[in-house]
C-alpha atoms as a PDB file:
ATOM      1  CA  UNK A   1      12.944  12.455 -13.872  1.00  0.00           C
ATOM      2  CA  UNK A   2      14.248  13.171 -10.322  1.00  0.00           C
ATOM      3  CA  UNK A   3      12.201  14.482  -7.433  1.00  0.00           C
ATOM      4  CA  UNK A   4      11.501  18.224  -7.331  1.00  0.00           C
ATOM      5  CA  UNK A   5      14.025  19.650  -4.860  1.00  0.00           C
ATOM      6  CA  UNK A   6      12.363  23.082  -5.007  1.00  0.00           C
ATOM      7  CA  UNK A   7       9.302  21.891  -3.089  1.00  0.00           C
ATOM      8  CA  UNK A   8       8.682  23.029   0.492  1.00  0.00           C
ATOM      9  CA  UNK A   9       9.462  20.603   3.340  1.00  0.00           C
ATOM     10  CA  UNK A  10       7.202  17.547   3.438  1.00  0.00           C
ATOM     11  CA  UNK A  11       5.578  18.399   6.794  1.00  0.00           C
ATOM     12  CA  UNK A  12       4.580  21.862   5.591  1.00  0.00           C
ATOM     13  CA  UNK A  13       3.050  20.534   2.402  1.00  0.00           C
ATOM     14  CA  UNK A  14       1.168  17.778   4.242  1.00  0.00           C
ATOM     15  CA  UNK A  15      -0.358  20.287   6.679  1.00  0.00           C
ATOM     16  CA  UNK A  16      -1.400  22.560   3.825  1.00  0.00           C
ATOM     17  CA  UNK A  17      -2.851  19.740   1.716  1.00  0.00           C
ATOM     18  CA  UNK A  18      -4.865  18.298   4.608  1.00  0.00           C
ATOM     19  CA  UNK A  19      -6.207  21.757   5.440  1.00  0.00           C
ATOM     20  CA  UNK A  20      -7.283  22.395   1.857  1.00  0.00           C
ATOM     21  CA  UNK A  21      -8.746  18.976   1.085  1.00  0.00           C
ATOM     22  CA  UNK A  22     -10.003  17.686   4.446  1.00  0.00           C
ATOM     23  CA  UNK A  23     -13.660  18.057   3.384  1.00  0.00           C
ATOM     24  CA  UNK A  24     -13.211  16.458  -0.043  1.00  0.00           C
ATOM     25  CA  UNK A  25     -14.253  12.945  -0.992  1.00  0.00           C
ATOM     26  CA  UNK A  26     -11.980  10.136  -2.157  1.00  0.00           C
ATOM     27  CA  UNK A  27     -12.322  10.821  -5.885  1.00  0.00           C
ATOM     28  CA  UNK A  28     -11.652  14.538  -5.462  1.00  0.00           C
ATOM     29  CA  UNK A  29      -8.618  13.909  -3.247  1.00  0.00           C
ATOM     30  CA  UNK A  30      -7.143  11.508  -5.782  1.00  0.00           C
ATOM     31  CA  UNK A  31      -7.871  13.849  -8.669  1.00  0.00           C
ATOM     32  CA  UNK A  32      -6.233  16.787  -6.868  1.00  0.00           C
ATOM     33  CA  UNK A  33      -3.260  14.653  -5.843  1.00  0.00           C
ATOM     34  CA  UNK A  34      -2.558  13.852  -9.489  1.00  0.00           C
ATOM     35  CA  UNK A  35      -2.378  17.546 -10.412  1.00  0.00           C
ATOM     36  CA  UNK A  36      -1.535  19.627  -7.324  1.00  0.00           C
ATOM     37  CA  UNK A  37       1.986  21.098  -7.588  1.00  0.00           C
ATOM     38  CA  UNK A  38       2.457  20.596  -3.831  1.00  0.00           C
ATOM     39  CA  UNK A  39       2.191  16.838  -4.335  1.00  0.00           C
ATOM     40  CA  UNK A  40       4.825  16.701  -7.063  1.00  0.00           C
ATOM     41  CA  UNK A  41       5.688  13.610  -9.088  1.00  0.00           C
ATOM     42  CA  UNK A  42       3.447  10.760  -7.983  1.00  0.00           C
ATOM     43  CA  UNK A  43       2.880   7.014  -8.409  1.00  0.00           C
ATOM     44  CA  UNK A  44       0.347   4.547  -7.034  1.00  0.00           C
ATOM     45  CA  UNK A  45       1.708   1.542  -5.151  1.00  0.00           C
ATOM     46  CA  UNK A  46      -0.608  -1.463  -5.322  1.00  0.00           C
ATOM     47  CA  UNK A  47      -0.445  -4.988  -3.957  1.00  0.00           C
ATOM     48  CA  UNK A  48      -3.352  -6.049  -6.205  1.00  0.00           C
ATOM     49  CA  UNK A  49      -4.817  -7.480  -3.031  1.00  0.00           C
ATOM     50  CA  UNK A  50      -8.317  -7.873  -1.654  1.00  0.00           C
ATOM     51  CA  UNK A  51      -9.407  -4.227  -1.877  1.00  0.00           C
ATOM     52  CA  UNK A  52      -6.942  -2.873  -4.435  1.00  0.00           C
ATOM     53  CA  UNK A  53      -9.411  -2.832  -7.308  1.00  0.00           C
ATOM     54  CA  UNK A  54     -11.294   0.180  -5.902  1.00  0.00           C
ATOM     55  CA  UNK A  55      -8.337   2.545  -5.978  1.00  0.00           C
ATOM     56  CA  UNK A  56      -7.069   1.099  -9.255  1.00  0.00           C
ATOM     57  CA  UNK A  57     -10.467   1.691 -10.851  1.00  0.00           C
ATOM     58  CA  UNK A  58     -10.608   5.281  -9.592  1.00  0.00           C
ATOM     59  CA  UNK A  59      -7.137   5.872 -11.018  1.00  0.00           C
ATOM     60  CA  UNK A  60      -8.053   4.298 -14.358  1.00  0.00           C
ATOM     61  CA  UNK A  61     -10.941   6.745 -14.709  1.00  0.00           C
ATOM     62  CA  UNK A  62      -8.855   9.801 -13.828  1.00  0.00           C
ATOM     63  CA  UNK A  63      -5.540   8.948 -15.521  1.00  0.00           C
ATOM     64  CA  UNK A  64      -4.812   5.383 -16.621  1.00  0.00           C
ATOM     65  CA  UNK A  65      -1.220   6.307 -17.495  1.00  0.00           C
ATOM     66  CA  UNK A  66      -0.246   7.164 -13.923  1.00  0.00           C
ATOM     67  CA  UNK A  67       2.636   4.914 -12.833  1.00  0.00           C
ATOM     68  CA  UNK A  68       1.434   1.887 -10.848  1.00  0.00           C
ATOM     69  CA  UNK A  69       4.195   0.168  -8.887  1.00  0.00           C
ATOM     70  CA  UNK A  70       3.491  -3.514  -8.230  1.00  0.00           C
ATOM     71  CA  UNK A  71       5.888  -5.224  -5.833  1.00  0.00           C
ATOM     72  CA  UNK A  72       6.324  -8.847  -6.829  1.00  0.00           C
ATOM     73  CA  UNK A  73       8.005 -10.404  -3.813  1.00  0.00           C
ATOM     74  CA  UNK A  74       8.230 -13.686  -5.740  1.00  0.00           C
ATOM     75  CA  UNK A  75       6.366 -15.240  -2.817  1.00  0.00           C
ATOM     76  CA  UNK A  76       2.884 -14.097  -3.793  1.00  0.00           C
ATOM     77  CA  UNK A  77      -0.109 -16.366  -4.262  1.00  0.00           C
ATOM     78  CA  UNK A  78      -0.556 -17.510  -7.889  1.00  0.00           C
ATOM     79  CA  UNK A  79      -4.059 -16.035  -7.620  1.00  0.00           C
ATOM     80  CA  UNK A  80      -2.583 -12.589  -6.948  1.00  0.00           C
ATOM     81  CA  UNK A  81      -0.379 -12.729 -10.050  1.00  0.00           C
ATOM     82  CA  UNK A  82      -3.333 -13.805 -12.191  1.00  0.00           C
ATOM     83  CA  UNK A  83      -5.521 -11.081 -10.655  1.00  0.00           C
ATOM     84  CA  UNK A  84      -2.891  -8.443 -11.413  1.00  0.00           C
ATOM     85  CA  UNK A  85      -2.938  -9.369 -15.091  1.00  0.00           C
ATOM     86  CA  UNK A  86      -6.732  -9.455 -15.148  1.00  0.00           C
ATOM     87  CA  UNK A  87      -7.079  -5.968 -13.652  1.00  0.00           C
ATOM     88  CA  UNK A  88      -4.369  -4.494 -15.858  1.00  0.00           C
ATOM     89  CA  UNK A  89      -6.294  -5.584 -18.926  1.00  0.00           C
ATOM     90  CA  UNK A  90      -9.809  -4.825 -17.684  1.00  0.00           C
ATOM     91  CA  UNK A  91      -8.965  -1.358 -16.362  1.00  0.00           C
ATOM     92  CA  UNK A  92      -6.603  -0.583 -19.270  1.00  0.00           C
ATOM     93  CA  UNK A  93      -3.827   0.544 -16.943  1.00  0.00           C
ATOM     94  CA  UNK A  94      -0.983   1.451 -19.278  1.00  0.00           C
ATOM     95  CA  UNK A  95       1.930   2.116 -16.931  1.00  0.00           C
ATOM     96  CA  UNK A  96       2.265  -0.802 -14.505  1.00  0.00           C
ATOM     97  CA  UNK A  97       5.843  -1.278 -13.356  1.00  0.00           C
ATOM     98  CA  UNK A  98       6.684  -4.583 -11.656  1.00  0.00           C
ATOM     99  CA  UNK A  99       9.212  -4.149  -8.852  1.00  0.00           C
ATOM    100  CA  UNK A 100      11.329  -7.043  -7.579  1.00  0.00           C
ATOM    101  CA  UNK A 101      14.247  -7.468  -5.205  1.00  0.00           C
ATOM    102  CA  UNK A 102      17.766  -7.484  -6.586  1.00  0.00           C
ATOM    103  CA  UNK A 103      18.359 -11.119  -7.518  1.00  0.00           C
ATOM    104  CA  UNK A 104      21.940 -11.081  -6.289  1.00  0.00           C
ATOM    105  CA  UNK A 105      20.694  -9.944  -2.861  1.00  0.00           C
ATOM    106  CA  UNK A 106      18.058 -12.670  -2.825  1.00  0.00           C
ATOM    107  CA  UNK A 107      20.604 -15.317  -3.798  1.00  0.00           C
ATOM    108  CA  UNK A 108      22.871 -14.180  -0.952  1.00  0.00           C
ATOM    109  CA  UNK A 109      20.343 -13.471   1.830  1.00  0.00           C
ATOM    110  CA  UNK A 110      17.626 -16.012   1.053  1.00  0.00           C
ATOM    111  CA  UNK A 111      19.021 -18.657  -1.319  1.00  0.00           C
ATOM    112  CA  UNK A 112      16.528 -21.358  -0.320  1.00  0.00           C
ATOM    113  CA  UNK A 113      13.484 -19.130   0.186  1.00  0.00           C
ATOM    114  CA  UNK A 114      13.169 -19.833   3.909  1.00  0.00           C
ATOM    115  CA  UNK A 115      14.208 -16.469   5.378  1.00  0.00           C
ATOM    116  CA  UNK A 116      10.596 -15.737   6.371  1.00  0.00           C
ATOM    117  CA  UNK A 117      10.675 -18.734   8.730  1.00  0.00           C
ATOM    118  CA  UNK A 118      13.468 -17.171  10.769  1.00  0.00           C
ATOM    119  CA  UNK A 119      12.867 -13.419  10.383  1.00  0.00           C
ATOM    120  CA  UNK A 120       9.763 -11.992   8.769  1.00  0.00           C
ATOM    121  CA  UNK A 121      11.231  -8.514   9.228  1.00  0.00           C
ATOM    122  CA  UNK A 122      14.354  -9.388   7.247  1.00  0.00           C
ATOM    123  CA  UNK A 123      12.300 -11.079   4.538  1.00  0.00           C
ATOM    124  CA  UNK A 124       9.965  -8.067   4.179  1.00  0.00           C
ATOM    125  CA  UNK A 125      12.955  -5.727   4.045  1.00  0.00           C
ATOM    126  CA  UNK A 126      14.660  -7.799   1.354  1.00  0.00           C
ATOM    127  CA  UNK A 127      11.668  -8.503  -0.854  1.00  0.00           C
ATOM    128  CA  UNK A 128       9.403  -5.509  -0.319  1.00  0.00           C
ATOM    129  CA  UNK A 129      10.717  -2.519   1.626  1.00  0.00           C
ATOM    130  CA  UNK A 130      14.089  -2.095  -0.086  1.00  0.00           C
ATOM    131  CA  UNK A 131      12.805  -2.672  -3.659  1.00  0.00           C
ATOM    132  CA  UNK A 132       9.990  -0.180  -3.115  1.00  0.00           C
ATOM    133  CA  UNK A 133      12.319   2.420  -1.656  1.00  0.00           C
ATOM    134  CA  UNK A 134      14.512   2.175  -4.744  1.00  0.00           C
ATOM    135  CA  UNK A 135      11.474   2.494  -6.999  1.00  0.00           C
ATOM    136  CA  UNK A 136      10.210   5.569  -5.124  1.00  0.00           C
ATOM    137  CA  UNK A 137      13.460   7.513  -5.189  1.00  0.00           C
ATOM    138  CA  UNK A 138      12.350   9.591  -8.150  1.00  0.00           C
ATOM    139  CA  UNK A 139       8.890  10.375  -6.738  1.00  0.00           C
ATOM    140  CA  UNK A 140       7.751  13.152  -4.426  1.00  0.00           C
ATOM    141  CA  UNK A 141       4.587  11.314  -3.350  1.00  0.00           C
ATOM    142  CA  UNK A 142       2.871   7.948  -3.590  1.00  0.00           C
ATOM    143  CA  UNK A 143      -0.737   6.800  -3.409  1.00  0.00           C
ATOM    144  CA  UNK A 144      -1.762   4.017  -1.045  1.00  0.00           C
ATOM    145  CA  UNK A 145      -4.969   2.182  -0.164  1.00  0.00           C
ATOM    146  CA  UNK A 146      -4.564   2.665   3.607  1.00  0.00           C
ATOM    147  CA  UNK A 147      -7.845   3.049   5.473  1.00  0.00           C
ATOM    148  CA  UNK A 148      -8.685   3.847   9.082  1.00  0.00           C
ATOM    149  CA  UNK A 149     -10.878   0.812   9.639  1.00  0.00           C
ATOM    150  CA  UNK A 150      -8.028  -1.608   8.860  1.00  0.00           C
ATOM    151  CA  UNK A 151      -6.672  -1.695  12.401  1.00  0.00           C
ATOM    152  CA  UNK A 152      -5.185   0.218  15.295  1.00  0.00           C
ATOM    153  CA  UNK A 153      -1.996   1.233  13.483  1.00  0.00           C
ATOM    154  CA  UNK A 154      -4.116   2.919  10.799  1.00  0.00           C
ATOM    155  CA  UNK A 155      -6.867   4.441  12.963  1.00  0.00           C
ATOM    156  CA  UNK A 156      -5.569   8.009  12.583  1.00  0.00           C
ATOM    157  CA  UNK A 157      -4.703   7.925   8.866  1.00  0.00           C
ATOM    158  CA  UNK A 158      -5.320  11.230   7.065  1.00  0.00           C
ATOM    159  CA  UNK A 159      -5.602  11.941   3.336  1.00  0.00           C
ATOM    160  CA  UNK A 160      -2.002  13.152   3.277  1.00  0.00           C
ATOM    161  CA  UNK A 161       0.806  11.813   5.483  1.00  0.00           C
ATOM    162  CA  UNK A 162       4.459  12.691   5.861  1.00  0.00           C
ATOM    163  CA  UNK A 163       6.830   9.822   5.212  1.00  0.00           C
ATOM    164  CA  UNK A 164       9.602  11.307   7.259  1.00  0.00           C
ATOM    165  CA  UNK A 165      11.284  14.077   5.276  1.00  0.00           C
ATOM    166  CA  UNK A 166      11.324  11.960   2.120  1.00  0.00           C
ATOM    167  CA  UNK A 167       7.925  12.201   0.474  1.00  0.00           C
ATOM    168  CA  UNK A 168       4.171  12.400   0.908  1.00  0.00           C
ATOM    169  CA  UNK A 169       1.858   9.438   1.223  1.00  0.00           C
ATOM    170  CA  UNK A 170      -1.625  10.012  -0.245  1.00  0.00           C
ATOM    171  CA  UNK A 171      -4.504   7.954   1.168  1.00  0.00           C
ATOM    172  CA  UNK A 172      -7.669   8.815  -0.812  1.00  0.00           C
ATOM    173  CA  UNK A 173      -9.700   6.025   0.836  1.00  0.00           C
ATOM    174  CA  UNK A 174      -8.656   6.888   4.396  1.00  0.00           C
ATOM    175  CA  UNK A 175     -12.220   7.494   5.573  1.00  0.00           C
ATOM    176  CA  UNK A 176     -13.913   4.665   3.679  1.00  0.00           C
ATOM    177  CA  UNK A 177     -15.305   1.665   5.507  1.00  0.00           C
ATOM    178  CA  UNK A 178     -15.807  -1.899   4.358  1.00  0.00           C
ATOM    179  CA  UNK A 179     -19.392  -1.125   3.292  1.00  0.00           C
ATOM    180  CA  UNK A 180     -18.195   1.757   1.096  1.00  0.00           C
ATOM    181  CA  UNK A 181     -15.730  -0.521  -0.656  1.00  0.00           C
ATOM    182  CA  UNK A 182     -18.305  -3.239  -1.145  1.00  0.00           C
ATOM    183  CA  UNK A 183     -20.845  -0.807  -2.576  1.00  0.00           C
ATOM    184  CA  UNK A 184     -18.290   0.646  -4.971  1.00  0.00           C
ATOM    185  CA  UNK A 185     -17.214  -2.784  -6.223  1.00  0.00           C
ATOM    186  CA  UNK A 186     -20.809  -3.893  -6.736  1.00  0.00           C
ATOM    187  CA  UNK A 187     -21.913  -0.687  -8.460  1.00  0.00           C
ATOM    188  CA  UNK A 188     -18.946  -0.762 -10.830  1.00  0.00           C
ATOM    189  CA  UNK A 189     -19.047  -4.541 -11.346  1.00  0.00           C
ATOM    190  CA  UNK A 190     -15.406  -4.927 -10.445  1.00  0.00           C
ATOM    191  CA  UNK A 191     -13.760  -8.370 -10.283  1.00  0.00           C
ATOM    192  CA  UNK A 192     -12.797  -9.656  -6.825  1.00  0.00           C
ATOM    193  CA  UNK A 193      -9.539 -11.229  -5.798  1.00  0.00           C
ATOM    194  CA  UNK A 194     -10.303 -14.970  -5.902  1.00  0.00           C
ATOM    195  CA  UNK A 195      -8.932 -15.543  -2.387  1.00  0.00           C
ATOM    196  CA  UNK A 196     -11.462 -13.209  -0.755  1.00  0.00           C
ATOM    197  CA  UNK A 197     -14.186 -15.832  -1.132  1.00  0.00           C
ATOM    198  CA  UNK A 198     -11.893 -18.286   0.663  1.00  0.00           C
ATOM    199  CA  UNK A 199     -11.610 -16.161   3.803  1.00  0.00           C
ATOM    200  CA  UNK A 200      -8.700 -13.851   2.989  1.00  0.00           C
ATOM    201  CA  UNK A 201      -9.819 -10.210   3.543  1.00  0.00           C
ATOM    202  CA  UNK A 202      -6.171  -9.044   3.558  1.00  0.00           C
ATOM    203  CA  UNK A 203      -3.682 -10.697   1.245  1.00  0.00           C
ATOM    204  CA  UNK A 204       0.104 -10.579   1.300  1.00  0.00           C
ATOM    205  CA  UNK A 205       2.753 -13.183   0.600  1.00  0.00           C
ATOM    206  CA  UNK A 206       1.600 -16.800   0.611  1.00  0.00           C
ATOM    207  CA  UNK A 207       3.827 -18.072   3.468  1.00  0.00           C
ATOM    208  CA  UNK A 208       2.742 -15.281   5.829  1.00  0.00           C
ATOM    209  CA  UNK A 209      -0.988 -14.968   5.067  1.00  0.00           C
ATOM    210  CA  UNK A 210      -3.755 -17.165   6.462  1.00  0.00           C
ATOM    211  CA  UNK A 211      -7.576 -17.115   6.356  1.00  0.00           C
ATOM    212  CA  UNK A 212      -9.432 -14.918   8.847  1.00  0.00           C
ATOM    213  CA  UNK A 213     -12.270 -16.197  11.019  1.00  0.00           C
ATOM    214  CA  UNK A 214     -15.582 -14.305  11.358  1.00  0.00           C
ATOM    215  CA  UNK A 215     -15.222 -11.516  13.910  1.00  0.00           C
ATOM    216  CA  UNK A 216     -11.437 -11.281  13.649  1.00  0.00           C
ATOM    217  CA  UNK A 217      -9.616  -8.126  12.610  1.00  0.00           C
ATOM    218  CA  UNK A 218      -9.371  -8.118   8.783  1.00  0.00           C
ATOM    219  CA  UNK A 219      -5.571  -8.134   9.058  1.00  0.00           C
ATOM    220  CA  UNK A 220      -5.436 -10.932  11.649  1.00  0.00           C
ATOM    221  CA  UNK A 221      -4.283 -13.341   8.971  1.00  0.00           C
ATOM    222  CA  UNK A 222      -1.138 -11.347   8.253  1.00  0.00           C
ATOM    223  CA  UNK A 223       1.887 -12.744  10.142  1.00  0.00           C
ATOM    224  CA  UNK A 224      -0.472 -14.662  12.425  1.00  0.00           C
ATOM    225  CA  UNK A 225       1.003 -15.524  15.794  1.00  0.00           C
ATOM    226  CA  UNK A 226       3.303 -12.492  15.935  1.00  0.00           C
ATOM    227  CA  UNK A 227       2.871  -8.836  16.908  1.00  0.00           C
ATOM    228  CA  UNK A 228       3.794  -7.764  13.394  1.00  0.00           C
ATOM    229  CA  UNK A 229       1.022  -5.928  11.522  1.00  0.00           C
ATOM    230  CA  UNK A 230       2.922  -3.941   8.880  1.00  0.00           C
ATOM    231  CA  UNK A 231       5.508  -5.096   6.335  1.00  0.00           C
ATOM    232  CA  UNK A 232       7.603  -1.969   6.772  1.00  0.00           C
ATOM    233  CA  UNK A 233       6.624   0.077   3.729  1.00  0.00           C
ATOM    234  CA  UNK A 234       4.328   2.293   5.811  1.00  0.00           C
ATOM    235  CA  UNK A 235       5.333   4.898   8.340  1.00  0.00           C
ATOM    236  CA  UNK A 236       3.628   6.786  11.166  1.00  0.00           C
ATOM    237  CA  UNK A 237       5.314   9.996  12.264  1.00  0.00           C
ATOM    238  CA  UNK A 238       8.248   9.083  10.084  1.00  0.00           C
ATOM    239  CA  UNK A 239       8.760   5.638  11.653  1.00  0.00           C
ATOM    240  CA  UNK A 240       7.846   2.205  10.349  1.00  0.00           C
ATOM    241  CA  UNK A 241       5.417   0.504  12.706  1.00  0.00           C
ATOM    242  CA  UNK A 242       4.067  -2.969  13.251  1.00  0.00           C
ATOM    243  CA  UNK A 243       2.406  -2.710  16.660  1.00  0.00           C
ATOM    244  CA  UNK A 244      -0.585  -0.770  18.112  1.00  0.00           C
ATOM    245  CA  UNK A 245       0.094   2.917  18.594  1.00  0.00           C
ATOM    246  CA  UNK A 246      -0.928   2.776  22.267  1.00  0.00           C
ATOM    247  CA  UNK A 247       1.588   0.078  23.155  1.00  0.00           C
ATOM    248  CA  UNK A 248       4.257   1.744  25.344  1.00  0.00           C
ATOM    249  CA  UNK A 249       7.860   1.826  24.120  1.00  0.00           C
ATOM    250  CA  UNK A 250       7.236  -0.677  21.326  1.00  0.00           C
ATOM    251  CA  UNK A 251       7.856   1.231  18.106  1.00  0.00           C
ATOM    252  CA  UNK A 252       9.887  -1.228  16.045  1.00  0.00           C
ATOM    253  CA  UNK A 253      11.286  -0.859  12.569  1.00  0.00           C
ATOM    254  CA  UNK A 254      10.170  -3.630  10.231  1.00  0.00           C
END
């Protein structure tokens, strides 16, 4: 089913949705996003990472048949793949779609699996950004787990964001903090990603993720040693970002 071309421009719908739902909580925002005509056809995109279980559990309660797009970069930790299967079964999610890069592209651009050593941007584009963009072509909106506390590039995240003129990004947990997530996981007895206990509060691909020391930004272990903070699947003001918003003249596409 293609996207609904009769919908109003993305920016107009985002402004209207934020105005109507700005005082709602996370569950209400997610519930409305699944049914509001302004949102259109929607899917949840999940990394099945450190905090993913909260949003996945909320979705399973509201509508377990909502499409869940899982990007398997084929460079994930084995623990992430096992965790994905565990959550799918426990939460009874019935519409998980595993997204991977085109194998012919991988064979041509990264035949020996070392592209990340030379260009993390090119590797993210090949294995994550481009496959997700293809998967989202038929959707008007997508649900993410982005939260304000996660770092400077996410400090102004609202419930609804414009992804350029393409589609809407829905962030039900935008205003949640780490304590809110912890309380929710404890109260609902949700399983944790096994790497969290080993010092990984934010988990991506194995070659580009390292443990985080006490006091560091939760995303400090992502692409450590570089100024990259986003893989490229997220946009601010229609542009992909990987650096702090207050850095002058440094908006770079990932």
